[in-house]
Amino acid sequence: MTQERLDHKTFQSAGPSLIIRVLSQGTALLVGILMVRLLDPKDYGIWGILTVFWSVGLVFTWGGFGSALLQKKDVDRDDLDSVFYYNMFVAGLWAFLLFLGAGWLADFYHQPVLKPVIRLLLWAFPVAALGGVQHTLLGRKMRQDLSNLASFIGQIAAVPPALYIAWKGYGVWALAWQMLIAQGVSTITVFCFCHWLPRLNYSFQALRSLFRFGSNIMFASLIDNIFNNAYNIVIGKVFPIDTLGYFERGRQYSSLWPQSVQWTISSVLFAAFSKIQDDVPRLRNAVVESLKMSVFIVFFPSLLVAALAVPFVSLILSEKWLPLVPYFQVLTLGFVVYPLYHLNLQILKARGRSGVYLGLISLNKLFVVINILCTVWISVMAMVWGMVVVSLISLYFNTRYTKRVLGYGLRMQLWDSLPYLIYSLIASAAAYGLYLLLWPINHWLGLLAPMAAGCLVYLLLNVFFYSPAFDTAWRLAREQFQQWRNKKIADKTEPND
């Protein structure tokens, strides 16, 4: 496969996948807004505790063996069957442990509702494990768009019952049922997209061949999730539960777009990078282009919404949620580098350096612990500023391997990102200035007009200065439109049988 064909296929796969992901996150945002207006900060504080066990459980459920299957060049049926049954066993074990520990967790946080809600949510883990291999197979075929579509369909199916439960006043139960229904429908859908079914077969030898890479990725993901959620664990215990609700919503909104882009692009890039892992020049070119595209997509929307956080929260979420604004704005500074942080980690995974990957994740979590120990005695806002510092320090260490292998270190990555950061800051500043002028006149005008003006300024800056990422995105969009148009013409001119 040539460099041009690989790059084209990579971005073609990322394009539809990102569109579906945008639709999914847009729907999640809309539904989340409705849920936020129906629920209280306390409900989201309790949910912030539950998400710790949900995210850790997913690591056990899918583990690192999905990544091992993606990274391995040749995969046979024994590999797939063995990973499937391993995932099911671990998911069942984690669900059993949660069932036993639900009462203790409810007592620890002084929230009795945690016990029954945890025992409902634990059913989602074996359901998720059923579709793990199917998602991996779609990834190997670079069909992440279908994987994302399955998740999107599950998300849509869960909306009506979740809103009804929230409207009836059942609080955090609405969020738990939403998660369970979405996971169930998503698993059924991915079975329809990927017609693979396991055999009654299990091979310890096949699993052992994947274990070294997969176990390192699993432990790295486990460490990553536990320590990322350590903030929720500590805030939920030390501070009022409402404070955790504000923090959790602020972090969720600030990370929504960067993580969506990172998740979509990384899932495509890992498969693409793995195919050219031994061709250093091609891998370097792919990394450079991917970085530019990532920051082009991430920087501006994140900074724009942070600049307009006050009118957004006031009008969309209601004024009872205004205390989350400072958390949201500060955390945005940390999450804008999220795609860069993970892009460098994808290079390690693609080249099979899972040991280095585990080491970097562990180092990052050491910084997290230091941040918590130094700031928990001060305030939640001090902890939030520490999270930004941790993100920047971790980015530096993540780029050291990329510099050694590809000659593309932090300085060069920042230099390639700088134009998009400048364009984003200028456009966001223009939007903020317009907001200050229009907000006293009309609140809705003070939100919508600055958003439109900011987008226009960002677009014009990219066009005027010949942004490479914008040029690539525009070219691929035209090609996709032309292919769609040609297909429509061919369908119309095809003779009837």
Foldseek 3Di string as FASTA:
>chain_A
DDLVVLLLLLVVLLVLLLVLLVVLLVVVVQLVLLLLQLAALLLLLLVLVVVLLVQLLVLQLLFLLLLLLLLDPDDDQQLLQASLVSSLVSLVVSLVVQLVCQCVVCVLLVNRVSNVLSNLLSVLRNLLSLQNSLCSVCLLVSNSSQLSVLLSVLLVVLRPQLSVCSNVPPRNSSVSSSSNSSSNSSSVSSCVVGVDDHDPDHDPVSCVVSCVLRNLRSLLSSLLSNLVSVLSVLCSNPHPSSVSSLLVVLLCVLQSQLVSSLVSSLSSVLSSCLVCLPPQVSNLVSLLLSLLLSLLRQQQVNLQCLLVVVLCCCPRNNPSSVVSNLLNNLLNLLSSCVNLLVSLLSSCSSNSVSVVSSVLSVVLSVLSVVLCVVPVVPDVSSSSNSSSVSSVVSSQVSQPVVCVRRVCGDVNSCVSSVLSNVQSVVLSVQLSVQLVVCCVVPSVCSRVVSVVSSVVSSVVSCVVVVRVSVVVVVVSVVVVVVVVVVVVVCVVPDDDD
